[in-house]
Amino acid sequence: MAESVLIQVIAPRDRFGRVLFRLCRAVALTGGLTLLAVAAMTVASVASRALAGHALLGDFELVQLGCAVAVASFLPYGQMRRSHVLVDFFTSGLCSRSKRRLDAVGALLLATCAAAIAWQMTVGTLEIRAAGETSMLLGVPVWSVYLLMVPSFALLSLTGLHSAWSYLAGGES
């Protein structure tokens, strides 16, 4: 059975880490506001369906696009809080130094993957913009949504690098 684990959030002690933490929190709050806007739009669409007999045009498009931006914006804050899913079945018997090293490797892998995603999203943004791709019903330029997600993945990459450095410097594992 899954156990609930409460992690005490400790702000990083180094200056770069504190700035990064505040930036991640601001990006996550922006994602939260985006999600609230999507929820409000969904409520308005359901109300429109009940009262006027039809949903708002393109409501599902906006839900998809808004949720994609919101989810991407939560990832860096989750990494800074060390609240991503962790499977420690095989490492529970290791000493803390070995755990920190493995955590650093994992953080470096995350940083590398996030950087690759940010890069490919940038390339994709340019290609989609050049192609003029838009959403089907509303005609929202899809590249603009990609562009909104690129900074979140770049920030996730930075948080991964900071986490790896923190683990190797002897931070908590």
N, C-alpha and C. Protein backbone atom coordinates (compact mmCIF):
# COMPACT_ATOMS: atom_id res chain seq x y z
N MET A 1 0.84 -1.18 0.00
CA MET A 1 0.00 0.00 0.00
C MET A 1 0.88 1.24 0.00
N ALA A 2 0.47 2.24 -0.69
CA ALA A 2 1.26 3.47 -0.78
C ALA A 2 1.18 4.24 0.53
N GLU A 3 2.31 4.78 0.89
CA GLU A 3 2.37 5.58 2.11
C GLU A 3 2.43 7.05 1.74
N SER A 4 1.77 7.86 2.52
CA SER A 4 1.83 9.29 2.31
C SER A 4 3.09 9.82 2.98
N VAL A 5 3.84 10.59 2.24
CA VAL A 5 5.08 11.14 2.78
C VAL A 5 5.01 12.66 2.71
N LEU A 6 5.15 13.30 3.84
CA LEU A 6 5.19 14.75 3.86
C LEU A 6 6.64 15.18 3.89
N ILE A 7 7.00 16.03 2.96
CA ILE A 7 8.37 16.51 2.87
C ILE A 7 8.40 17.96 3.31
N GLN A 8 9.24 18.24 4.27
CA GLN A 8 9.38 19.61 4.71
C GLN A 8 10.17 20.38 3.65
N VAL A 9 9.59 21.46 3.18
CA VAL A 9 10.24 22.25 2.14
C VAL A 9 11.26 23.17 2.79
N ILE A 10 12.50 22.99 2.41
CA ILE A 10 13.57 23.83 2.91
C ILE A 10 14.13 24.60 1.72
N ALA A 11 14.07 25.91 1.81
CA ALA A 11 14.60 26.72 0.72
C ALA A 11 16.11 26.49 0.63
N PRO A 12 16.64 26.48 -0.58
CA PRO A 12 18.08 26.29 -0.74
C PRO A 12 18.87 27.35 0.02
N ARG A 13 20.05 26.96 0.44
CA ARG A 13 20.89 27.88 1.23
C ARG A 13 21.76 28.78 0.36
N ASP A 14 22.11 28.30 -0.83
CA ASP A 14 22.96 29.11 -1.70
C ASP A 14 22.13 30.17 -2.43
N ARG A 15 22.80 31.24 -2.82
CA ARG A 15 22.10 32.36 -3.43
C ARG A 15 21.41 31.96 -4.74
N PHE A 16 22.13 31.25 -5.60
CA PHE A 16 21.54 30.82 -6.87
C PHE A 16 20.31 29.95 -6.62
N GLY A 17 20.42 29.05 -5.65
CA GLY A 17 19.30 28.16 -5.33
C GLY A 17 18.09 28.92 -4.83
N ARG A 18 18.31 29.95 -4.02
CA ARG A 18 17.19 30.75 -3.52
C ARG A 18 16.49 31.50 -4.66
N VAL A 19 17.30 32.07 -5.56
CA VAL A 19 16.72 32.76 -6.72
C VAL A 19 15.95 31.77 -7.60
N LEU A 20 16.54 30.62 -7.82
CA LEU A 20 15.92 29.58 -8.63
C LEU A 20 14.61 29.11 -7.99
N PHE A 21 14.61 28.95 -6.68
CA PHE A 21 13.42 28.52 -5.95
C PHE A 21 12.29 29.54 -6.12
N ARG A 22 12.62 30.84 -5.96
CA ARG A 22 11.60 31.88 -6.12
C ARG A 22 11.06 31.92 -7.56
N LEU A 23 11.95 31.75 -8.51
CA LEU A 23 11.53 31.74 -9.91
C LEU A 23 10.62 30.55 -10.20
N CYS A 24 10.99 29.39 -9.69
CA CYS A 24 10.16 28.18 -9.87
C CYS A 24 8.79 28.37 -9.24
N ARG A 25 8.77 28.98 -8.07
CA ARG A 25 7.49 29.22 -7.40
C ARG A 25 6.62 30.18 -8.21
N ALA A 26 7.23 31.23 -8.76
CA ALA A 26 6.48 32.19 -9.57
C ALA A 26 5.92 31.53 -10.83
N VAL A 27 6.72 30.69 -11.47
CA VAL A 27 6.26 29.99 -12.68
C VAL A 27 5.13 29.03 -12.32
N ALA A 28 5.25 28.34 -11.19
CA ALA A 28 4.19 27.43 -10.75
C ALA A 28 2.90 28.19 -10.44
N LEU A 29 3.02 29.36 -9.82
CA LEU A 29 1.83 30.17 -9.55
C LEU A 29 1.16 30.61 -10.85
N THR A 30 1.96 30.95 -11.83
CA THR A 30 1.42 31.30 -13.14
C THR A 30 0.67 30.10 -13.74
N GLY A 31 1.25 28.92 -13.59
CA GLY A 31 0.58 27.71 -14.05
C GLY A 31 -0.72 27.47 -13.31
N GLY A 32 -0.71 27.74 -12.01
CA GLY A 32 -1.93 27.60 -11.22
C GLY A 32 -3.02 28.55 -11.67
N LEU A 33 -2.63 29.78 -11.98
CA LEU A 33 -3.60 30.76 -12.49
C LEU A 33 -4.14 30.32 -13.85
N THR A 34 -3.27 29.75 -14.66
CA THR A 34 -3.71 29.23 -15.97
C THR A 34 -4.73 28.12 -15.77
N LEU A 35 -4.45 27.23 -14.82
CA LEU A 35 -5.38 26.13 -14.54
C LEU A 35 -6.71 26.65 -14.01
N LEU A 36 -6.67 27.69 -13.17
CA LEU A 36 -7.92 28.30 -12.69
C LEU A 36 -8.71 28.91 -13.85
N ALA A 37 -8.02 29.55 -14.77
CA ALA A 37 -8.70 30.12 -15.94
C ALA A 37 -9.34 29.02 -16.78
N VAL A 38 -8.63 27.91 -16.94
CA VAL A 38 -9.18 26.78 -17.70
C VAL A 38 -10.41 26.22 -16.98
N ALA A 39 -10.33 26.12 -15.66
CA ALA A 39 -11.48 25.61 -14.89
C ALA A 39 -12.68 26.56 -15.02
N ALA A 40 -12.42 27.87 -14.93
CA ALA A 40 -13.51 28.84 -15.07
C ALA A 40 -14.14 28.76 -16.46
N MET A 41 -13.31 28.60 -17.46
CA MET A 41 -13.81 28.48 -18.83
C MET A 41 -14.64 27.20 -18.99
N THR A 42 -14.22 26.12 -18.33
CA THR A 42 -14.97 24.87 -18.39
C THR A 42 -16.33 25.03 -17.72
N VAL A 43 -16.36 25.71 -16.58
CA VAL A 43 -17.63 25.97 -15.89
C VAL A 43 -18.54 26.81 -16.78
N ALA A 44 -17.96 27.83 -17.41
CA ALA A 44 -18.75 28.68 -18.30
C ALA A 44 -19.29 27.88 -19.48
N SER A 45 -18.50 26.96 -19.99
CA SER A 45 -18.94 26.13 -21.12
C SER A 45 -20.08 25.20 -20.71
N VAL A 46 -19.95 24.60 -19.53
CA VAL A 46 -21.01 23.71 -19.03
C VAL A 46 -22.29 24.52 -18.77
N ALA A 47 -22.14 25.71 -18.19
CA ALA A 47 -23.31 26.57 -17.96
C ALA A 47 -23.95 26.98 -19.28
N SER A 48 -23.12 27.29 -20.26
CA SER A 48 -23.63 27.66 -21.58
C SER A 48 -24.39 26.49 -22.21
N ARG A 49 -23.87 25.31 -22.02
CA ARG A 49 -24.55 24.12 -22.56
C ARG A 49 -25.92 23.94 -21.89
N ALA A 50 -25.97 24.18 -20.57
CA ALA A 50 -27.22 24.00 -19.84
C ALA A 50 -28.23 25.11 -20.16
N LEU A 51 -27.75 26.34 -20.28
CA LEU A 51 -28.65 27.47 -20.46
C LEU A 51 -28.97 27.77 -21.92
N ALA A 52 -27.97 27.69 -22.77
CA ALA A 52 -28.16 28.08 -24.17
C ALA A 52 -28.24 26.87 -25.12
N GLY A 53 -27.95 25.69 -24.60
CA GLY A 53 -28.05 24.50 -25.43
C GLY A 53 -26.80 24.17 -26.22
N HIS A 54 -25.74 24.94 -26.04
CA HIS A 54 -24.49 24.64 -26.75
C HIS A 54 -23.31 25.09 -25.90
N ALA A 55 -22.22 24.36 -26.05
CA ALA A 55 -21.00 24.69 -25.30
C ALA A 55 -20.29 25.86 -25.98
N LEU A 56 -19.34 26.42 -25.28
CA LEU A 56 -18.52 27.47 -25.86
C LEU A 56 -17.68 26.88 -26.99
N LEU A 57 -17.56 27.61 -28.05
CA LEU A 57 -16.80 27.14 -29.21
C LEU A 57 -15.32 26.97 -28.84
N GLY A 58 -14.79 25.79 -29.10
CA GLY A 58 -13.37 25.54 -28.88
C GLY A 58 -12.97 25.33 -27.44
N ASP A 59 -13.94 25.03 -26.59
CA ASP A 59 -13.61 24.87 -25.17
C ASP A 59 -12.59 23.77 -24.94
N PHE A 60 -12.73 22.66 -25.63
CA PHE A 60 -11.79 21.56 -25.42
C PHE A 60 -10.40 21.91 -25.93
N GLU A 61 -10.31 22.73 -26.98
CA GLU A 61 -9.00 23.17 -27.46
C GLU A 61 -8.28 23.99 -26.39
N LEU A 62 -9.03 24.91 -25.78
CA LEU A 62 -8.43 25.76 -24.76
C LEU A 62 -8.04 24.95 -23.52
N VAL A 63 -8.84 23.94 -23.19
CA VAL A 63 -8.49 23.07 -22.06
C VAL A 63 -7.19 22.34 -22.35
N GLN A 64 -7.06 21.78 -23.53
CA GLN A 64 -5.83 21.06 -23.90
C GLN A 64 -4.61 21.98 -23.85
N LEU A 65 -4.72 23.12 -24.48
CA LEU A 65 -3.59 24.04 -24.56
C LEU A 65 -3.23 24.60 -23.19
N GLY A 66 -4.25 25.00 -22.43
CA GLY A 66 -4.00 25.55 -21.10
C GLY A 66 -3.42 24.54 -20.14
N CYS A 67 -3.91 23.32 -20.18
CA CYS A 67 -3.39 22.27 -19.29
C CYS A 67 -1.95 21.91 -19.64
N ALA A 68 -1.62 21.92 -20.92
CA ALA A 68 -0.24 21.63 -21.32
C ALA A 68 0.71 22.67 -20.74
N VAL A 69 0.34 23.93 -20.82
CA VAL A 69 1.17 25.01 -20.28
C VAL A 69 1.25 24.89 -18.75
N ALA A 70 0.12 24.61 -18.11
CA ALA A 70 0.10 24.51 -16.65
C ALA A 70 0.97 23.37 -16.14
N VAL A 71 0.83 22.20 -16.74
CA VAL A 71 1.62 21.04 -16.30
C VAL A 71 3.11 21.32 -16.45
N ALA A 72 3.50 21.89 -17.58
CA ALA A 72 4.91 22.21 -17.79
C ALA A 72 5.42 23.20 -16.74
N SER A 73 4.56 24.11 -16.33
CA SER A 73 5.00 25.13 -15.36
C SER A 73 5.14 24.58 -13.95
N PHE A 74 4.51 23.46 -13.65
CA PHE A 74 4.62 22.88 -12.30
C PHE A 74 5.89 22.05 -12.11
N LEU A 75 6.46 21.54 -13.19
CA LEU A 75 7.59 20.61 -13.09
C LEU A 75 8.82 21.19 -12.39
N PRO A 76 9.26 22.41 -12.71
CA PRO A 76 10.46 22.93 -12.02
C PRO A 76 10.26 23.08 -10.51
N TYR A 77 9.09 23.54 -10.10
CA TYR A 77 8.83 23.71 -8.66
C TYR A 77 8.83 22.35 -7.96
N GLY A 78 8.25 21.36 -8.61
CA GLY A 78 8.27 20.01 -8.04
C GLY A 78 9.68 19.51 -7.85
N GLN A 79 10.56 19.79 -8.79
CA GLN A 79 11.96 19.38 -8.66
C GLN A 79 12.66 20.13 -7.52
N MET A 80 12.41 21.42 -7.42
CA MET A 80 13.05 22.19 -6.35
C MET A 80 12.58 21.73 -4.97
N ARG A 81 11.34 21.30 -4.88
CA ARG A 81 10.80 20.81 -3.61
C ARG A 81 11.14 19.35 -3.36
N ARG A 82 11.73 18.71 -4.35
CA ARG A 82 12.04 17.28 -4.29
C ARG A 82 10.77 16.47 -4.04
N SER A 83 9.73 16.84 -4.77
CA SER A 83 8.44 16.18 -4.55
C SER A 83 8.01 15.31 -5.72
N HIS A 84 8.92 15.05 -6.66
CA HIS A 84 8.61 14.11 -7.73
C HIS A 84 8.60 12.69 -7.16
N VAL A 85 7.97 11.79 -7.88
CA VAL A 85 7.88 10.40 -7.45
C VAL A 85 9.28 9.82 -7.30
N LEU A 86 9.49 9.13 -6.20
CA LEU A 86 10.80 8.54 -5.91
C LEU A 86 10.59 7.08 -5.54
N VAL A 87 11.28 6.21 -6.21
CA VAL A 87 11.22 4.78 -5.90
C VAL A 87 12.56 4.40 -5.28
N ASP A 88 12.53 4.12 -3.99
CA ASP A 88 13.79 3.83 -3.29
C ASP A 88 13.87 2.38 -2.81
N PHE A 89 13.14 1.51 -3.46
CA PHE A 89 13.12 0.11 -3.06
C PHE A 89 14.52 -0.50 -3.06
N PHE A 90 15.28 -0.25 -4.12
CA PHE A 90 16.61 -0.85 -4.26
C PHE A 90 17.69 -0.08 -3.51
N THR A 91 17.43 1.15 -3.17
CA THR A 91 18.47 1.98 -2.54
C THR A 91 18.26 2.18 -1.05
N SER A 92 17.22 1.60 -0.49
CA SER A 92 16.92 1.85 0.92
C SER A 92 18.03 1.36 1.85
N GLY A 93 18.79 0.37 1.44
CA GLY A 93 19.86 -0.15 2.29
C GLY A 93 21.21 0.52 2.08
N LEU A 94 21.29 1.44 1.15
CA LEU A 94 22.56 2.10 0.87
C LEU A 94 22.86 3.20 1.88
N CYS A 95 24.13 3.53 2.00
CA CYS A 95 24.51 4.64 2.88
C CYS A 95 24.08 5.95 2.23
N SER A 96 24.01 7.01 3.02
CA SER A 96 23.51 8.28 2.51
C SER A 96 24.40 8.84 1.40
N ARG A 97 25.69 8.59 1.46
CA ARG A 97 26.59 9.09 0.42
C ARG A 97 26.27 8.44 -0.93
N SER A 98 26.04 7.14 -0.92
CA SER A 98 25.68 6.43 -2.16
C SER A 98 24.33 6.90 -2.68
N LYS A 99 23.38 7.12 -1.78
CA LYS A 99 22.06 7.62 -2.18
C LYS A 99 22.19 8.99 -2.83
N ARG A 100 23.01 9.86 -2.23
CA ARG A 100 23.20 11.19 -2.80
C ARG A 100 23.81 11.12 -4.19
N ARG A 101 24.76 10.22 -4.38
CA ARG A 101 25.38 10.07 -5.70
C ARG A 101 24.35 9.60 -6.73
N LEU A 102 23.55 8.62 -6.36
CA LEU A 102 22.50 8.15 -7.27
C LEU A 102 21.47 9.24 -7.54
N ASP A 103 21.11 9.99 -6.51
CA ASP A 103 20.18 11.10 -6.69
C ASP A 103 20.77 12.15 -7.62
N ALA A 104 22.08 12.38 -7.51
CA ALA A 104 22.75 13.34 -8.40
C ALA A 104 22.71 12.86 -9.84
N VAL A 105 22.93 11.56 -10.05
CA VAL A 105 22.86 11.00 -11.40
C VAL A 105 21.44 11.17 -11.96
N GLY A 106 20.46 10.88 -11.13
CA GLY A 106 19.07 11.05 -11.56
C GLY A 106 18.75 12.50 -11.90
N ALA A 107 19.24 13.42 -11.09
CA ALA A 107 19.01 14.85 -11.35
C ALA A 107 19.70 15.28 -12.64
N LEU A 108 20.90 14.75 -12.89
CA LEU A 108 21.60 15.07 -14.14
C LEU A 108 20.86 14.51 -15.35
N LEU A 109 20.31 13.32 -15.21
CA LEU A 109 19.50 12.75 -16.29
C LEU A 109 18.26 13.61 -16.55
N LEU A 110 17.62 14.05 -15.48
CA LEU A 110 16.47 14.93 -15.62
C LEU A 110 16.87 16.23 -16.31
N ALA A 111 17.98 16.82 -15.89
CA ALA A 111 18.45 18.07 -16.50
C ALA A 111 18.71 17.89 -17.98
N THR A 112 19.33 16.77 -18.33
CA THR A 112 19.64 16.49 -19.73
C THR A 112 18.36 16.31 -20.56
N CYS A 113 17.42 15.53 -20.03
CA CYS A 113 16.16 15.31 -20.75
C CYS A 113 15.37 16.61 -20.88
N ALA A 114 15.31 17.40 -19.81
CA ALA A 114 14.57 18.66 -19.86
C ALA A 114 15.21 19.63 -20.85
N ALA A 115 16.54 19.65 -20.90
CA ALA A 115 17.22 20.52 -21.87
C ALA A 115 16.92 20.06 -23.30
N ALA A 116 16.91 18.75 -23.51
CA ALA A 116 16.60 18.22 -24.85
C ALA A 116 15.16 18.56 -25.24
N ILE A 117 14.24 18.45 -24.28
CA ILE A 117 12.85 18.79 -24.57
C ILE A 117 12.72 20.28 -24.88
N ALA A 118 13.39 21.12 -24.09
CA ALA A 118 13.34 22.57 -24.34
C ALA A 118 13.89 22.89 -25.73
N TRP A 119 15.00 22.25 -26.08
CA TRP A 119 15.60 22.48 -27.39
C TRP A 119 14.66 22.03 -28.51
N GLN A 120 14.12 20.83 -28.40
CA GLN A 120 13.25 20.31 -29.44
C GLN A 120 11.94 21.10 -29.53
N MET A 121 11.46 21.59 -28.40
CA MET A 121 10.26 22.43 -28.43
C MET A 121 10.55 23.76 -29.11
N THR A 122 11.76 24.27 -28.92
CA THR A 122 12.15 25.51 -29.60
C THR A 122 12.19 25.29 -31.10
N VAL A 123 12.82 24.20 -31.51
CA VAL A 123 12.88 23.85 -32.94
C VAL A 123 11.46 23.64 -33.48
N GLY A 124 10.65 22.91 -32.73
CA GLY A 124 9.26 22.66 -33.14
C GLY A 124 8.45 23.94 -33.22
N THR A 125 8.69 24.85 -32.29
CA THR A 125 7.99 26.13 -32.30
C THR A 125 8.27 26.89 -33.59
N LEU A 126 9.54 26.94 -33.96
CA LEU A 126 9.92 27.64 -35.19
C LEU A 126 9.32 26.98 -36.43
N GLU A 127 9.33 25.64 -36.45
CA GLU A 127 8.77 24.92 -37.60
C GLU A 127 7.25 25.09 -37.69
N ILE A 128 6.59 25.00 -36.55
CA ILE A 128 5.13 25.13 -36.54
C ILE A 128 4.71 26.56 -36.89
N ARG A 129 5.50 27.52 -36.43
CA ARG A 129 5.20 28.92 -36.77
C ARG A 129 5.36 29.14 -38.27
N ALA A 130 6.44 28.60 -38.83
CA ALA A 130 6.67 28.75 -40.28
C ALA A 130 5.56 28.08 -41.09
N ALA A 131 5.05 26.97 -40.57
CA ALA A 131 3.98 26.24 -41.27
C ALA A 131 2.61 26.90 -41.07
N GLY A 132 2.51 27.78 -40.07
CA GLY A 132 1.24 28.46 -39.82
C GLY A 132 0.18 27.58 -39.20
N GLU A 133 0.59 26.55 -38.45
CA GLU A 133 -0.36 25.62 -37.85
C GLU A 133 -1.19 26.30 -36.76
N THR A 134 -2.49 26.07 -36.81
CA THR A 134 -3.40 26.63 -35.81
C THR A 134 -4.33 25.54 -35.31
N SER A 135 -5.00 25.83 -34.19
CA SER A 135 -5.99 24.88 -33.68
C SER A 135 -7.18 24.85 -34.64
N MET A 136 -7.92 23.75 -34.60
CA MET A 136 -8.95 23.51 -35.62
C MET A 136 -10.12 24.50 -35.54
N LEU A 137 -10.67 24.72 -34.37
CA LEU A 137 -11.88 25.53 -34.27
C LEU A 137 -11.61 27.02 -34.06
N LEU A 138 -10.69 27.33 -33.17
CA LEU A 138 -10.46 28.74 -32.82
C LEU A 138 -9.36 29.40 -33.64
N GLY A 139 -8.54 28.59 -34.26
CA GLY A 139 -7.44 29.15 -35.04
C GLY A 139 -6.33 29.73 -34.18
N VAL A 140 -6.17 29.20 -32.96
CA VAL A 140 -5.09 29.65 -32.08
C VAL A 140 -3.77 29.16 -32.65
N PRO A 141 -2.79 30.04 -32.83
CA PRO A 141 -1.49 29.59 -33.32
C PRO A 141 -0.84 28.63 -32.32
N VAL A 142 -0.62 27.40 -32.74
CA VAL A 142 -0.09 26.37 -31.84
C VAL A 142 1.32 26.72 -31.38
N TRP A 143 2.08 27.40 -32.20
CA TRP A 143 3.45 27.74 -31.83
C TRP A 143 3.50 28.60 -30.57
N SER A 144 2.47 29.43 -30.36
CA SER A 144 2.48 30.31 -29.19
C SER A 144 2.40 29.50 -27.89
N VAL A 145 1.69 28.38 -27.93
CA VAL A 145 1.58 27.52 -26.75
C VAL A 145 2.91 26.82 -26.50
N TYR A 146 3.54 26.34 -27.57
CA TYR A 146 4.87 25.73 -27.43
C TYR A 146 5.84 26.73 -26.83
N LEU A 147 5.76 27.96 -27.33
CA LEU A 147 6.67 29.00 -26.85
C LEU A 147 6.50 29.25 -25.35
N LEU A 148 5.28 29.13 -24.86
CA LEU A 148 5.02 29.32 -23.43
C LEU A 148 5.60 28.18 -22.58
N MET A 149 5.77 27.00 -23.18
CA MET A 149 6.28 25.86 -22.41
C MET A 149 7.80 25.75 -22.41
N VAL A 150 8.46 26.34 -23.39
CA VAL A 150 9.92 26.24 -23.49
C VAL A 150 10.62 26.75 -22.22
N PRO A 151 10.27 27.93 -21.68
CA PRO A 151 10.96 28.39 -20.47
C PRO A 151 10.80 27.44 -19.28
N SER A 152 9.66 26.78 -19.17
CA SER A 152 9.46 25.84 -18.06
C SER A 152 10.42 24.67 -18.15
N PHE A 153 10.63 24.14 -19.35
CA PHE A 153 11.56 23.02 -19.50
C PHE A 153 13.01 23.47 -19.34
N ALA A 154 13.32 24.69 -19.78
CA ALA A 154 14.66 25.23 -19.55
C ALA A 154 14.90 25.41 -18.05
N LEU A 155 13.90 25.91 -17.35
CA LEU A 155 14.00 26.07 -15.90
C LEU A 155 14.10 24.72 -15.21
N LEU A 156 13.38 23.73 -15.69
CA LEU A 156 13.47 22.37 -15.14
C LEU A 156 14.89 21.84 -15.30
N SER A 157 15.51 22.11 -16.43
CA SER A 157 16.89 21.68 -16.64
C SER A 157 17.83 22.35 -15.63
N LEU A 158 17.64 23.63 -15.41
CA LEU A 158 18.47 24.34 -14.41
C LEU A 158 18.25 23.78 -13.01
N THR A 159 17.00 23.47 -12.67
CA THR A 159 16.74 22.92 -11.34
C THR A 159 17.36 21.54 -11.19
N GLY A 160 17.36 20.77 -12.27
CA GLY A 160 18.03 19.46 -12.23
C GLY A 160 19.52 19.60 -11.99
N LEU A 161 20.15 20.56 -12.66
CA LEU A 161 21.58 20.81 -12.45
C LEU A 161 21.85 21.27 -11.02
N HIS A 162 21.00 22.15 -10.53
CA HIS A 162 21.17 22.62 -9.15
C HIS A 162 20.98 21.48 -8.16
N SER A 163 19.99 20.63 -8.40
CA SER A 163 19.77 19.49 -7.51
C SER A 163 20.98 18.56 -7.51
N ALA A 164 21.52 18.28 -8.68
CA ALA A 164 22.70 17.41 -8.77
C ALA A 164 23.86 18.00 -7.99
N TRP A 165 24.10 19.29 -8.18
CA TRP A 165 25.17 19.97 -7.45
C TRP A 165 24.92 19.89 -5.95
N SER A 166 23.68 20.11 -5.56
CA SER A 166 23.31 20.07 -4.15
C SER A 166 23.55 18.68 -3.55
N TYR A 167 23.15 17.64 -4.28
CA TYR A 167 23.37 16.28 -3.79
C TYR A 167 24.86 15.98 -3.65
N LEU A 168 25.64 16.36 -4.65
CA LEU A 168 27.08 16.07 -4.61
C LEU A 168 27.80 16.89 -3.55
N ALA A 169 27.25 18.07 -3.24
CA ALA A 169 27.87 18.92 -2.21
C ALA A 169 27.50 18.46 -0.80
N GLY A 170 26.71 17.40 -0.71
CA GLY A 170 26.37 16.85 0.60
C GLY A 170 25.00 17.21 1.10
N GLY A 171 24.13 17.70 0.20
CA GLY A 171 22.77 18.03 0.60
C GLY A 171 21.98 16.79 0.96
N GLU A 172 20.79 17.02 1.50
CA GLU A 172 19.93 15.90 1.91
C GLU A 172 19.56 15.04 0.73
N SER A 173 19.42 13.76 0.99
CA SER A 173 19.02 12.83 -0.06
C SER A 173 17.64 12.31 0.22
